[in-house]
Amino acid sequence: MKFANQFRCAVAFVIVLAARCSLTEPAFGAAPTPTPSSPPNIVLVISDDHHWHDYSFMGHKHIRTPNIDRLAAQSLVFPHGYVPSSLCCPSLASIVTGLYPHEHKVTSNDPPLPPGMPRKGFYETAAFRDGREAMSRHLEAVPTLPRLLAEANYQSLQTGKWWQGNYHRGGFTHGMTRGERYGDDGIEIGRKTMQPIYDFIEQTRAEDQPFFVWYAPMMPHLPHNPPERLLAKYKDAAPSLEVAKYWATVEWFDETVGELLRYLDEQKLTDNTVVAYLADNGWITDPKTGQAAPKSKQSPYDGGLRTPIMIRWPGHVKPERSEALASSLDVAPTLLAAAGLKATPQMPGINLLDEQAVANRKAVFGECFTHNSKDLDHPAASLRWRWMIEGDWKLLVPDPKNEPKRSAELYKITEDPTEKHNVADANADRVKAMTAKINAWWPAE
């Protein structure tokens, strides 16, 4: 009897110890292994025209983003994240495909503009419609995140910005965009309503299927028309009314993120939902015009390319800040891995939850193109800049076809984050070596 009691006590101790071990938080980057019968839900939040510094958790002195700050505190955060291209349409296409623009061929916002035709009038022509159709076909020709997630029975919802025709063409099972230029009904999300997301989630729960939500509101993108209650908070602090409007729109966007996260909490979905966050490209407000300032959107500078990237998955991902380089091309492989799926061999990105893959990365690359494509089937025809970051250094290589008056620019990005001091002339050997790496990545021929 005494031996039996001792045996039962020993077994109980082992069970308790095992339980305690199972609750220990995983180390950074530990690749998750979800239960095949219950893969996690996924919510992808994509900010629109949002500078990398314009969050309180990133150090902005005036802008308040309490909801995104809280998300960051619960996430694995990469403050040195980048998108390959600083323009909405190609950047979003890269997020949904995990490919560079030159690989999926959606390099620009719009098709080639006929000589002498005003841009606004072009949108009403058959040439524009035919061109956008060709761009949508390019996206249909490659795997996309929602199409790949469908292999694990995910239902997927598109809301917000979406350029490539009807949401079905991206592989979404549900959506708001019918097919006009950059979102039509979809861009009501956030600014006017969040209900389509809640209705979709309720439906998937009733059908006992995992869900993927693409939440890409046109915020803080123009028009910067925030509620007066928010604008009043920034009027005295901002250098101009135009800047105050942008700052207030950032906080307005933050409020919508808070609504979405609270809904997950209220529905008890938080613990089994991966939330990923990034911006499609950066933005700097011209204080006089309210439009994009130089070294911002459409540029090869950090003001247009850099974004924090974060992943939250309670119980699977340890909240912490990583100083490693990250790319928006990593989002698709990371979310696929969380769902128990493999990235395609063509995807150049890495799983950001794989510590070794993050440690092995030495550089990130990117490319910027003309606003209107020069040739829809040949990406190099529209190229303006190729760029890379390696260690402390960032190199910009102009393309002579579209930037004939520019020369290579080199910045020690860790000491000069606003890229004011071009040191290419004083570092010719470094420029040569990094240019060779860019050419090996994509020769752009």
Protein backbone atom coordinates (compact mmCIF):
# COMPACT_ATOMS: atom_id res chain seq x y z
CA MET A 1 0.00 0.00 0.00
CA LYS A 2 2.83 2.39 0.95
CA PHE A 3 4.56 1.69 -2.37
CA ALA A 4 1.31 2.29 -4.32
CA ASN A 5 0.80 5.64 -2.63
CA GLN A 6 4.38 6.66 -3.44
CA PHE A 7 3.86 5.62 -7.06
CA ARG A 8 0.63 7.67 -7.35
CA CYS A 9 2.40 10.71 -5.89
CA ALA A 10 5.27 10.35 -8.32
CA VAL A 11 2.90 10.12 -11.28
CA ALA A 12 1.00 13.18 -10.07
CA PHE A 13 4.25 15.14 -9.75
CA VAL A 14 5.26 14.26 -13.32
CA ILE A 15 1.83 15.32 -14.63
CA VAL A 16 2.00 18.66 -12.81
CA LEU A 17 5.55 19.25 -14.01
CA ALA A 18 4.59 18.46 -17.59
CA ALA A 19 1.65 20.83 -17.36
CA ARG A 20 3.88 23.58 -16.07
CA CYS A 21 6.38 23.01 -18.87
CA SER A 22 3.63 23.19 -21.46
CA LEU A 23 2.72 26.68 -20.24
CA THR A 24 6.25 28.01 -20.61
CA GLU A 25 6.45 30.69 -23.31
CA PRO A 26 8.38 29.59 -26.41
CA ALA A 27 11.65 31.24 -27.30
CA PHE A 28 11.63 33.88 -30.02
CA GLY A 29 11.26 32.36 -33.43
CA ALA A 30 10.25 28.89 -32.33
CA ALA A 31 8.36 27.66 -35.38
CA PRO A 32 4.77 26.94 -34.28
CA THR A 33 3.19 23.56 -34.81
CA PRO A 34 -0.58 24.11 -34.76
CA THR A 35 -2.95 21.24 -34.20
CA PRO A 36 -4.07 20.13 -37.70
CA SER A 37 -7.68 19.80 -36.57
CA SER A 38 -7.81 23.42 -35.33
CA PRO A 39 -5.51 25.75 -37.26
CA PRO A 40 -5.46 29.34 -36.00
CA ASN A 41 -7.58 32.08 -37.44
CA ILE A 42 -5.61 34.85 -39.15
CA VAL A 43 -6.16 38.61 -39.25
CA LEU A 44 -3.83 40.69 -41.42
CA VAL A 45 -3.94 44.43 -40.69
CA ILE A 46 -2.42 46.64 -43.40
CA SER A 47 -2.09 50.35 -42.80
CA ASP A 48 -2.15 52.62 -45.87
CA ASP A 49 0.35 55.47 -46.48
CA HIS A 50 1.72 55.45 -42.94
CA HIS A 51 5.25 56.57 -41.99
CA TRP A 52 7.22 54.05 -39.94
CA HIS A 53 7.81 56.51 -37.08
CA ASP A 54 4.19 57.67 -36.77
CA TYR A 55 3.16 55.53 -33.79
CA SER A 56 3.63 56.28 -30.12
CA PHE A 57 5.34 52.88 -29.61
CA MET A 58 7.86 53.86 -32.33
CA GLY A 59 8.66 57.10 -30.54
CA HIS A 60 6.51 59.81 -32.11
CA LYS A 61 6.19 62.71 -29.67
CA HIS A 62 2.61 63.65 -30.50
CA ILE A 63 0.69 60.90 -32.34
CA ARG A 64 -1.24 58.59 -30.02
CA THR A 65 -1.80 54.99 -31.11
CA PRO A 66 -2.82 53.18 -27.91
CA ASN A 67 -4.41 50.18 -29.63
CA ILE A 68 -1.52 49.46 -31.98
CA ASP A 69 0.85 50.07 -29.06
CA ARG A 70 -0.98 47.38 -27.09
CA LEU A 71 -0.80 45.03 -30.07
CA ALA A 72 2.94 45.69 -30.30
CA ALA A 73 3.37 44.93 -26.60
CA GLN A 74 1.77 41.52 -27.22
CA SER A 75 3.69 40.77 -30.43
CA LEU A 76 7.02 39.84 -31.90
CA VAL A 77 7.90 43.22 -33.40
CA PHE A 78 10.37 43.99 -36.19
CA PRO A 79 10.78 47.80 -36.16
CA HIS A 80 13.16 47.51 -39.11
CA GLY A 81 10.63 46.08 -41.54
CA TYR A 82 10.50 47.04 -45.21
CA VAL A 83 8.21 46.74 -48.22
CA PRO A 84 9.98 46.14 -51.54
CA SER A 85 8.17 48.95 -53.35
CA SER A 86 6.79 52.23 -51.99
CA LEU A 87 3.55 52.37 -53.95
CA CYS A 88 0.18 50.92 -52.92
CA CYS A 89 -0.74 48.57 -55.76
CA PRO A 90 2.58 46.72 -56.22
CA SER A 91 3.17 46.65 -52.46
CA LEU A 92 -0.21 45.03 -51.74
CA ALA A 93 0.33 42.57 -54.58
CA SER A 94 3.64 41.58 -52.98
CA ILE A 95 2.04 41.09 -49.57
CA VAL A 96 -0.67 38.80 -50.93
CA THR A 97 1.72 36.78 -53.15
CA GLY A 98 4.96 36.85 -51.17
CA LEU A 99 6.77 37.80 -54.39
CA TYR A 100 8.71 40.84 -55.60
CA PRO A 101 6.89 43.09 -58.09
CA HIS A 102 9.22 41.99 -60.88
CA GLU A 103 8.15 38.40 -60.13
CA HIS A 104 4.36 38.89 -60.05
CA LYS A 105 4.62 41.72 -62.70
CA VAL A 106 2.28 44.15 -60.94
CA THR A 107 4.90 46.90 -60.73
CA SER A 108 2.81 50.07 -60.83
CA ASN A 109 -0.49 51.58 -59.76
CA ASP A 110 -1.84 51.92 -63.30
CA PRO A 111 -1.34 50.72 -66.88
CA PRO A 112 0.72 52.70 -69.44
CA LEU A 113 -0.60 56.22 -69.98
CA PRO A 114 -1.06 57.06 -73.70
CA PRO A 115 1.09 60.05 -74.77
CA GLY A 116 -0.63 63.38 -74.23
CA MET A 117 -3.57 61.96 -72.30
CA PRO A 118 -4.39 63.45 -68.84
CA ARG A 119 -4.25 60.86 -66.09
CA LYS A 120 -7.78 61.58 -64.86
CA GLY A 121 -9.33 61.14 -68.30
CA PHE A 122 -7.36 57.96 -68.81
CA TYR A 123 -9.40 56.20 -66.11
CA GLU A 124 -12.49 56.33 -68.34
CA THR A 125 -10.88 54.75 -71.42
CA ALA A 126 -10.86 51.24 -72.83
CA ALA A 127 -7.04 51.32 -72.71
CA PHE A 128 -7.20 51.75 -68.95
CA ARG A 129 -9.73 48.96 -68.49
CA ASP A 130 -7.75 46.62 -70.74
CA GLY A 131 -4.57 47.44 -68.88
CA ARG A 132 -6.07 46.79 -65.48
CA GLU A 133 -7.44 43.49 -66.78
CA ALA A 134 -3.92 42.50 -67.82
CA MET A 135 -2.64 43.41 -64.34
CA SER A 136 -5.33 41.29 -62.72
CA ARG A 137 -4.40 38.35 -64.93
CA HIS A 138 -0.80 38.66 -63.77
CA LEU A 139 -1.96 38.25 -60.18
CA GLU A 140 -4.15 35.27 -61.10
CA ALA A 141 -1.11 33.57 -62.62
CA VAL A 142 0.68 33.15 -59.25
CA PRO A 143 -0.33 31.62 -55.92
CA THR A 144 -1.83 34.00 -53.37
CA LEU A 145 -2.16 33.77 -49.62
CA PRO A 146 -5.95 33.18 -49.60
CA ARG A 147 -5.70 30.56 -52.35
CA LEU A 148 -3.02 28.70 -50.43
CA LEU A 149 -4.91 28.96 -47.14
CA ALA A 150 -7.94 27.45 -48.86
CA GLU A 151 -5.96 24.19 -48.97
CA ALA A 152 -6.46 24.07 -45.19
CA ASN A 153 -10.18 24.93 -45.51
CA TYR A 154 -9.81 28.60 -44.63
CA GLN A 155 -12.57 30.98 -45.57
CA SER A 156 -11.09 34.38 -46.49
CA LEU A 157 -12.45 37.92 -46.53
CA GLN A 158 -11.12 40.91 -48.49
CA THR A 159 -11.84 44.37 -47.11
CA GLY A 160 -10.26 47.74 -47.87
CA LYS A 161 -7.71 48.44 -50.58
CA TRP A 162 -7.66 45.88 -53.41
CA TRP A 163 -6.53 46.78 -56.92
CA GLN A 164 -6.70 43.53 -58.86
CA GLY A 165 -10.31 43.33 -59.94
CA ASN A 166 -13.01 41.47 -58.04
CA TYR A 167 -11.90 39.94 -54.74
CA HIS A 168 -12.38 36.45 -56.22
CA ARG A 169 -9.42 37.07 -58.53
CA GLY A 170 -7.10 37.13 -55.54
CA GLY A 171 -8.50 33.86 -54.24
CA PHE A 172 -10.71 35.31 -51.50
CA THR A 173 -13.92 33.42 -50.81
CA HIS A 174 -15.67 36.56 -49.58
CA GLY A 175 -15.05 40.25 -50.12
CA MET A 176 -16.22 43.82 -50.56
CA THR A 177 -14.44 44.99 -53.72
CA ARG A 178 -16.33 44.46 -56.95
CA GLY A 179 -13.51 45.40 -59.30
CA GLU A 180 -13.02 49.14 -59.68
CA ARG A 181 -9.64 50.85 -59.49
CA TYR A 182 -8.52 50.44 -55.89
CA GLY A 183 -11.33 49.13 -53.85
CA ASP A 184 -14.82 50.63 -54.53
CA ASP A 185 -17.09 49.31 -51.74
CA GLY A 186 -14.10 47.84 -49.94
CA ILE A 187 -12.72 51.20 -48.89
CA GLU A 188 -15.76 51.83 -46.70
CA ILE A 189 -14.19 49.51 -44.16
CA GLY A 190 -12.85 51.37 -41.14
CA ARG A 191 -13.96 54.81 -42.27
CA LYS A 192 -17.66 53.91 -42.27
CA THR A 193 -18.14 50.44 -40.84
CA MET A 194 -16.50 47.31 -39.43
CA GLN A 195 -19.63 45.18 -39.69
CA PRO A 196 -18.67 43.13 -42.78
CA ILE A 197 -15.76 41.66 -40.83
CA TYR A 198 -17.94 40.76 -37.86
CA ASP A 199 -20.59 39.19 -40.10
CA PHE A 200 -17.98 37.13 -41.92
CA ILE A 201 -16.38 35.86 -38.71
CA GLU A 202 -19.79 34.93 -37.32
CA GLN A 203 -20.52 32.95 -40.48
CA THR A 204 -17.24 31.04 -40.40
CA ARG A 205 -17.75 30.19 -36.75
CA ALA A 206 -21.20 28.83 -37.52
CA GLU A 207 -19.62 26.66 -40.21
CA ASP A 208 -16.72 25.66 -37.91
CA GLN A 209 -14.05 26.80 -40.37
CA PRO A 210 -10.90 28.85 -39.77
CA PHE A 211 -10.91 32.37 -41.18
CA PHE A 212 -8.47 34.78 -42.81
CA VAL A 213 -9.32 38.50 -42.75
CA TRP A 214 -7.55 41.00 -45.00
CA TYR A 215 -8.13 44.33 -43.22
CA ALA A 216 -6.55 47.01 -45.42
CA PRO A 217 -8.57 50.19 -44.86
CA MET A 218 -7.73 53.33 -46.82
CA MET A 219 -6.35 54.83 -43.62
CA PRO A 220 -4.48 57.04 -42.89
CA HIS A 221 -4.39 57.50 -46.68
CA LEU A 222 -5.87 60.68 -48.16
CA PRO A 223 -8.41 62.15 -47.70
CA HIS A 224 -7.18 63.22 -44.29
CA ASN A 225 -10.64 64.02 -42.93
CA PRO A 226 -10.64 62.78 -39.33
CA PRO A 227 -13.42 63.46 -36.82
CA GLU A 228 -13.16 66.95 -35.35
CA ARG A 229 -12.72 65.49 -31.85
CA LEU A 230 -9.43 63.96 -32.99
CA LEU A 231 -8.27 66.88 -35.12
CA ALA A 232 -8.69 69.20 -32.13
CA LYS A 233 -6.07 67.16 -30.24
CA TYR A 234 -3.35 67.92 -32.79
CA LYS A 235 -4.02 71.42 -34.13
CA ASP A 236 -1.76 73.16 -31.64
CA ALA A 237 1.02 70.55 -31.70
CA ALA A 238 1.41 70.07 -35.45
CA PRO A 239 3.50 72.38 -37.67
CA SER A 240 0.49 72.98 -39.95
CA LEU A 241 -3.18 72.12 -40.24
CA GLU A 242 -2.40 69.65 -43.04
CA VAL A 243 -0.01 67.74 -40.81
CA ALA A 244 -2.53 67.83 -37.94
CA LYS A 245 -5.13 66.25 -40.23
CA TYR A 246 -2.77 63.41 -41.08
CA TRP A 247 -1.80 62.84 -37.44
CA ALA A 248 -5.46 62.74 -36.42
CA THR A 249 -6.24 60.28 -39.23
CA VAL A 250 -3.52 57.99 -37.88
CA GLU A 251 -5.26 57.97 -34.50
CA TRP A 252 -8.60 57.40 -36.23
CA PHE A 253 -7.12 54.34 -37.92
CA ASP A 254 -5.77 53.20 -34.55
CA GLU A 255 -9.29 53.36 -33.14
CA THR A 256 -10.51 50.95 -35.82
CA VAL A 257 -7.72 48.52 -35.01
CA GLY A 258 -8.85 48.70 -31.40
CA GLU A 259 -12.43 47.90 -32.40
CA LEU A 260 -11.28 44.83 -34.29
CA LEU A 261 -9.06 43.57 -31.48
CA ARG A 262 -11.80 44.12 -28.90
CA TYR A 263 -14.20 42.11 -31.06
CA LEU A 264 -11.74 39.19 -31.04
CA ASP A 265 -11.50 39.49 -27.27
CA GLU A 266 -15.27 39.63 -26.79
CA GLN A 267 -15.79 36.59 -29.00
CA LYS A 268 -13.03 34.71 -27.16
CA LEU A 269 -11.07 34.35 -30.40
CA THR A 270 -7.85 36.09 -29.38
CA ASP A 271 -5.94 33.04 -28.19
CA ASN A 272 -6.50 31.12 -31.43
CA THR A 273 -5.98 34.02 -33.83
CA VAL A 274 -2.73 35.15 -35.40
CA VAL A 275 -2.72 38.92 -35.92
CA ALA A 276 -0.11 40.33 -38.30
CA TYR A 277 0.47 44.05 -38.86
CA LEU A 278 2.38 46.24 -41.32
CA ALA A 279 1.90 49.26 -43.60
CA ASP A 280 1.79 49.05 -47.40
CA ASN A 281 4.18 52.01 -47.76
CA GLY A 282 5.30 55.11 -45.94
CA TRP A 283 4.11 58.70 -46.05
CA ILE A 284 5.39 62.16 -45.14
CA THR A 285 2.89 65.02 -45.29
CA ASP A 286 3.93 68.18 -47.11
CA PRO A 287 2.96 70.80 -44.49
CA LYS A 288 1.72 73.24 -47.16
CA THR A 289 -0.14 71.03 -49.64
CA GLY A 290 -1.10 67.98 -47.59
CA GLN A 291 0.26 65.77 -50.37
CA ALA A 292 3.21 63.39 -50.17
CA ALA A 293 6.51 65.12 -49.45
CA PRO A 294 9.82 64.09 -51.10
CA LYS A 295 11.58 60.99 -49.74
CA SER A 296 8.15 59.55 -49.02
CA LYS A 297 5.66 57.50 -51.00
CA GLN A 298 6.99 56.39 -54.43
CA SER A 299 10.60 57.02 -53.32
CA PRO A 300 13.40 54.53 -52.52
CA TYR A 301 13.98 56.16 -49.12
CA ASP A 302 12.95 54.81 -45.72
CA GLY A 303 10.16 57.40 -45.57
CA GLY A 304 8.44 55.39 -48.28
CA LEU A 305 9.71 51.86 -47.64
CA ARG A 306 10.11 51.20 -43.93
CA THR A 307 7.33 49.84 -41.69
CA PRO A 308 7.11 48.02 -38.39
CA ILE A 309 6.08 44.41 -38.90
CA MET A 310 4.55 42.48 -36.02
CA ILE A 311 3.08 39.05 -35.30
CA ARG A 312 0.83 38.27 -32.32
CA TRP A 313 -0.14 34.70 -31.44
CA PRO A 314 -0.76 34.18 -27.72
CA GLY A 315 0.92 31.10 -26.32
CA HIS A 316 2.94 30.52 -29.48
CA VAL A 317 4.91 33.71 -30.10
CA LYS A 318 6.84 35.39 -27.30
CA PRO A 319 6.27 39.18 -27.26
CA GLU A 320 9.58 40.93 -27.85
CA ARG A 321 11.37 43.36 -30.14
CA SER A 322 13.81 42.11 -32.76
CA GLU A 323 16.37 44.39 -34.38
CA ALA A 324 16.69 42.02 -37.34
CA LEU A 325 15.67 43.08 -40.84
CA ALA A 326 12.23 41.97 -42.00
CA SER A 327 10.33 42.27 -45.27
CA SER A 328 6.68 42.30 -46.23
CA LEU A 329 7.59 39.28 -48.38
CA ASP A 330 7.97 37.38 -45.10
CA VAL A 331 4.31 37.82 -44.18
CA ALA A 332 2.95 35.10 -46.48
CA PRO A 333 5.52 32.41 -45.47
CA THR A 334 5.00 33.26 -41.79
CA LEU A 335 1.21 33.02 -41.91
CA LEU A 336 1.30 29.86 -44.00
CA ALA A 337 3.63 28.24 -41.45
CA ALA A 338 1.27 29.23 -38.63
CA ALA A 339 -1.54 27.50 -40.55
CA GLY A 340 0.54 24.35 -40.91
CA LEU A 341 1.20 24.95 -44.63
CA LYS A 342 4.39 25.39 -46.61
CA ALA A 343 5.44 28.45 -48.57
CA THR A 344 5.84 27.90 -52.30
CA PRO A 345 9.42 27.35 -53.55
CA GLN A 346 9.17 30.65 -55.45
CA MET A 347 8.61 32.75 -52.31
CA PRO A 348 11.88 34.49 -51.37
CA GLY A 349 10.71 35.52 -47.89
CA ILE A 350 11.27 33.71 -44.61
CA ASN A 351 9.13 32.54 -41.71
CA LEU A 352 9.63 35.30 -39.13
CA LEU A 353 8.86 32.79 -36.37
CA ASP A 354 11.90 30.74 -37.37
CA GLU A 355 14.73 32.09 -35.22
CA GLN A 356 17.48 30.55 -37.33
CA ALA A 357 16.07 31.91 -40.60
CA VAL A 358 15.88 35.40 -39.09
CA ALA A 359 19.46 35.14 -37.78
CA ASN A 360 20.76 33.92 -41.15
CA ARG A 361 19.37 36.89 -43.09
CA LYS A 362 22.11 39.28 -44.17
CA ALA A 363 20.21 41.73 -46.39
CA VAL A 364 16.85 42.82 -47.77
CA PHE A 365 16.22 44.01 -51.33
CA GLY A 366 13.62 46.07 -53.14
CA GLU A 367 12.63 47.94 -56.26
CA CYS A 368 10.65 51.06 -57.12
CA PHE A 369 8.84 51.62 -60.40
CA THR A 370 7.03 54.32 -62.31
CA HIS A 371 3.48 55.19 -61.18
CA ASN A 372 2.12 54.14 -64.59
CA SER A 373 3.68 51.05 -66.08
CA LYS A 374 5.75 51.44 -69.22
CA ASP A 375 5.22 47.81 -70.28
CA LEU A 376 2.85 45.51 -68.39
CA ASP A 377 4.69 42.34 -69.41
CA HIS A 378 8.27 43.53 -68.87
CA PRO A 379 8.90 44.87 -65.34
CA ALA A 380 12.38 46.24 -66.10
CA ALA A 381 10.88 48.78 -68.53
CA SER A 382 9.22 50.59 -65.60
CA LEU A 383 12.10 50.38 -63.13
CA ARG A 384 13.32 53.54 -61.39
CA TRP A 385 15.42 52.20 -58.51
CA ARG A 386 16.76 48.98 -57.07
CA TRP A 387 17.93 49.05 -53.45
CA MET A 388 19.33 46.89 -50.69
CA ILE A 389 20.13 47.12 -46.99
CA GLU A 390 23.06 45.16 -45.60
CA GLY A 391 24.18 45.72 -42.04
CA ASP A 392 24.54 49.44 -41.41
CA TRP A 393 24.34 50.37 -45.07
CA LYS A 394 21.66 51.13 -47.64
CA LEU A 395 22.43 51.45 -51.36
CA LEU A 396 20.12 52.94 -54.00
CA VAL A 397 20.89 52.15 -57.64
CA PRO A 398 18.98 54.24 -60.21
CA ASP A 399 17.91 52.77 -63.53
CA PRO A 400 19.25 54.88 -66.43
CA LYS A 401 16.06 54.51 -68.48
CA ASN A 402 13.78 56.22 -65.98
CA GLU A 403 16.24 58.03 -63.70
CA PRO A 404 18.92 59.20 -66.18
CA LYS A 405 20.09 62.15 -64.06
CA ARG A 406 20.58 60.21 -60.83
CA SER A 407 23.60 58.29 -59.57
CA ALA A 408 24.06 55.69 -56.87
CA GLU A 409 23.35 56.78 -53.30
CA LEU A 410 24.81 55.16 -50.19
CA TYR A 411 23.66 55.86 -46.63
CA LYS A 412 24.84 54.59 -43.27
CA ILE A 413 21.27 53.99 -42.31
CA THR A 414 21.91 53.24 -38.63
CA GLU A 415 23.41 56.71 -38.12
CA ASP A 416 21.46 58.58 -40.80
CA PRO A 417 17.88 57.21 -40.74
CA THR A 418 16.48 60.15 -42.72
CA GLU A 419 19.07 59.62 -45.47
CA LYS A 420 20.46 63.14 -45.60
CA HIS A 421 24.13 62.30 -46.20
CA ASN A 422 24.99 60.42 -49.39
CA VAL A 423 28.44 58.90 -48.84
CA ALA A 424 28.72 56.94 -52.10
CA ASP A 425 31.72 58.91 -53.39
CA ALA A 426 33.71 58.20 -50.24
CA ASN A 427 32.88 54.46 -50.29
CA ALA A 428 33.40 53.41 -53.89
CA ASP A 429 34.44 49.85 -53.01
CA ARG A 430 31.37 49.31 -50.87
CA VAL A 431 29.11 50.68 -53.63
CA LYS A 432 30.73 48.32 -56.12
CA ALA A 433 30.35 45.28 -53.87
CA MET A 434 26.74 46.01 -52.98
CA THR A 435 25.85 46.78 -56.60
CA ALA A 436 27.16 43.34 -57.54
CA LYS A 437 24.83 41.79 -54.94
CA ILE A 438 21.87 43.75 -56.29
CA ASN A 439 22.67 42.58 -59.82
CA ALA A 440 22.90 38.99 -58.58
CA TRP A 441 19.50 39.37 -56.92
CA TRP A 442 17.81 40.88 -60.01
CA PRO A 443 19.79 42.01 -63.07
CA ALA A 444 16.78 43.99 -64.35
CA GLU A 445 17.47 43.11 -67.95
